[in-house]
Protein backbone atom coordinates (compact mmCIF):
# COMPACT_ATOMS: atom_id res chain seq x y z
CA MET A 1 106.65 90.32 108.81
CA ARG A 2 105.64 91.21 112.32
CA SER A 3 102.65 89.51 113.88
CA ASN A 4 100.64 92.69 114.59
CA PHE A 5 98.10 93.16 111.76
CA PHE A 6 98.46 96.95 111.67
CA GLU A 7 102.26 96.67 111.49
CA ARG A 8 101.93 94.17 108.65
CA VAL A 9 99.63 96.62 106.81
CA TYR A 10 102.26 99.34 107.23
CA GLU A 11 105.02 97.06 105.93
CA VAL A 12 103.07 96.19 102.76
CA THR A 13 102.01 99.79 102.22
CA ARG A 14 105.64 100.93 102.38
CA LEU A 15 106.38 98.57 99.48
CA ILE A 16 103.92 100.20 97.07
CA PRO A 17 106.08 101.80 94.38
CA ILE A 18 105.96 105.53 93.75
CA GLY A 19 103.42 106.25 91.03
CA ARG A 20 101.35 103.15 91.77
CA VAL A 21 98.27 102.50 93.91
CA THR A 22 96.65 99.49 95.49
CA SER A 23 93.39 98.81 97.31
CA TYR A 24 92.49 98.08 100.90
CA GLY A 25 91.18 94.70 99.79
CA ALA A 26 94.38 93.80 97.94
CA ILE A 27 96.41 94.40 101.09
CA ALA A 28 93.94 92.39 103.18
CA ARG A 29 94.07 89.47 100.70
CA TYR A 30 97.85 89.53 100.66
CA LEU A 31 97.89 89.37 104.45
CA GLY A 32 95.57 86.35 104.42
CA SER A 33 92.56 88.25 105.75
CA ALA A 34 90.48 88.83 102.64
CA LYS A 35 87.49 90.13 104.58
CA SER A 36 89.53 92.67 106.53
CA SER A 37 89.77 95.54 104.05
CA ARG A 38 88.01 97.82 106.52
CA MET A 39 90.63 96.95 109.15
CA VAL A 40 93.34 97.87 106.63
CA GLY A 41 91.64 101.26 106.36
CA TRP A 42 91.59 101.63 110.15
CA ALA A 43 95.30 100.84 110.27
CA LEU A 44 96.09 103.44 107.63
CA ASN A 45 93.88 106.03 109.31
CA GLY A 46 96.12 105.74 112.36
CA CYS A 47 99.50 105.71 110.64
CA HIS A 48 100.08 109.47 110.54
CA HIS A 49 101.54 109.48 114.06
CA LEU A 50 104.22 106.88 113.28
CA ASN A 51 107.90 107.80 113.14
CA GLU A 52 108.47 105.91 109.88
CA PHE A 53 106.54 107.24 106.86
CA VAL A 54 103.69 105.09 105.55
CA PRO A 55 102.48 106.16 102.06
CA ALA A 56 98.81 105.69 102.90
CA HIS A 57 97.90 108.02 100.03
CA ARG A 58 98.71 105.15 97.64
CA VAL A 59 95.85 103.03 98.99
CA VAL A 60 92.43 103.60 97.44
CA ASN A 61 89.20 101.65 97.20
CA ARG A 62 88.61 98.79 94.76
CA VAL A 63 87.58 101.07 91.88
CA GLY A 64 90.23 103.72 92.42
CA LEU A 65 88.29 106.23 94.49
CA LEU A 66 90.21 108.21 97.10
CA SER A 67 87.88 106.98 99.81
CA GLY A 68 90.36 107.74 102.60
CA ARG A 69 90.97 111.35 101.54
CA HIS A 70 89.09 112.79 104.51
CA HIS A 71 91.68 111.28 106.89
CA PHE A 72 94.44 113.47 105.47
CA PRO A 73 95.12 117.03 106.60
CA GLY A 74 93.49 119.35 104.10
CA GLN A 75 90.77 118.52 101.63
CA ASP A 76 93.06 117.76 98.67
CA ALA A 77 96.15 116.36 100.42
CA MET A 78 95.75 112.78 99.21
CA GLU A 79 95.16 113.91 95.64
CA LEU A 80 98.13 116.29 95.74
CA LEU A 81 100.44 113.58 97.08
CA LEU A 82 99.39 111.19 94.31
CA GLU A 83 99.73 113.83 91.61
CA ALA A 84 103.23 114.70 92.89
CA GLU A 85 104.11 111.05 92.16
CA GLY A 86 102.68 111.21 88.63
CA VAL A 87 99.29 109.65 89.39
CA ALA A 88 96.50 111.62 87.71
CA VAL A 89 93.31 112.06 89.71
CA PHE A 90 90.00 113.34 88.40
CA ASP A 91 86.86 113.78 90.49
CA SER A 92 88.51 111.98 93.45
CA LYS A 93 89.31 108.91 91.33
CA VAL A 94 92.63 107.60 89.99
CA VAL A 95 92.82 108.04 86.22
CA ASP A 96 94.02 104.84 84.49
CA PHE A 97 93.45 102.90 87.71
CA GLU A 98 94.03 99.53 86.02
CA LYS A 99 97.39 100.73 84.67
CA ARG A 100 98.47 102.16 88.04
CA TYR A 101 97.17 99.23 90.12
CA TRP A 102 99.77 97.32 92.12
CA ASP A 103 98.68 93.95 93.51
CA PRO A 104 100.91 92.77 96.35
CA SER A 105 99.75 89.17 95.85
CA LYS A 106 101.27 89.26 92.36
CA GLU A 107 104.22 91.53 93.05
CA LEU A 108 105.46 90.13 96.36
CA ILE A 109 106.30 86.66 97.53
CA ASN A 110 104.20 85.97 100.63
C-alpha cells in the first residue's frame, strides 16, 4: 500500500465487496491507526473528485448508520447506492448490519 493515509483508505475501501459494508473504525484499525476513524471519514469525504471510483457508500458508522450520507449528492444517494447492491436500509441504518459487516482485519492480510 502507498504511504499516504488517504490513499491507503481508498485502497481498502475499494476492496469492500459489493453488498457488504464496513465502518470507519474498522478501516482505521486495519491501517494501524485505531483512533483515526474520523480521519478515515475525512478521506472518504474528499474521494468524489478522484479519477478512480471509491465506493465510499459502503462505509458506515460502527452501528450501521449512514453517518456520511450528507456528503453525497442528493439526500438519499448513499442509501440508493447501497440498495442497488442489495443492502437494505431502513431509517438511515443498514438492516442486518452484522450479516453485511466486512472487517478488513479479518478478510485481508495486512
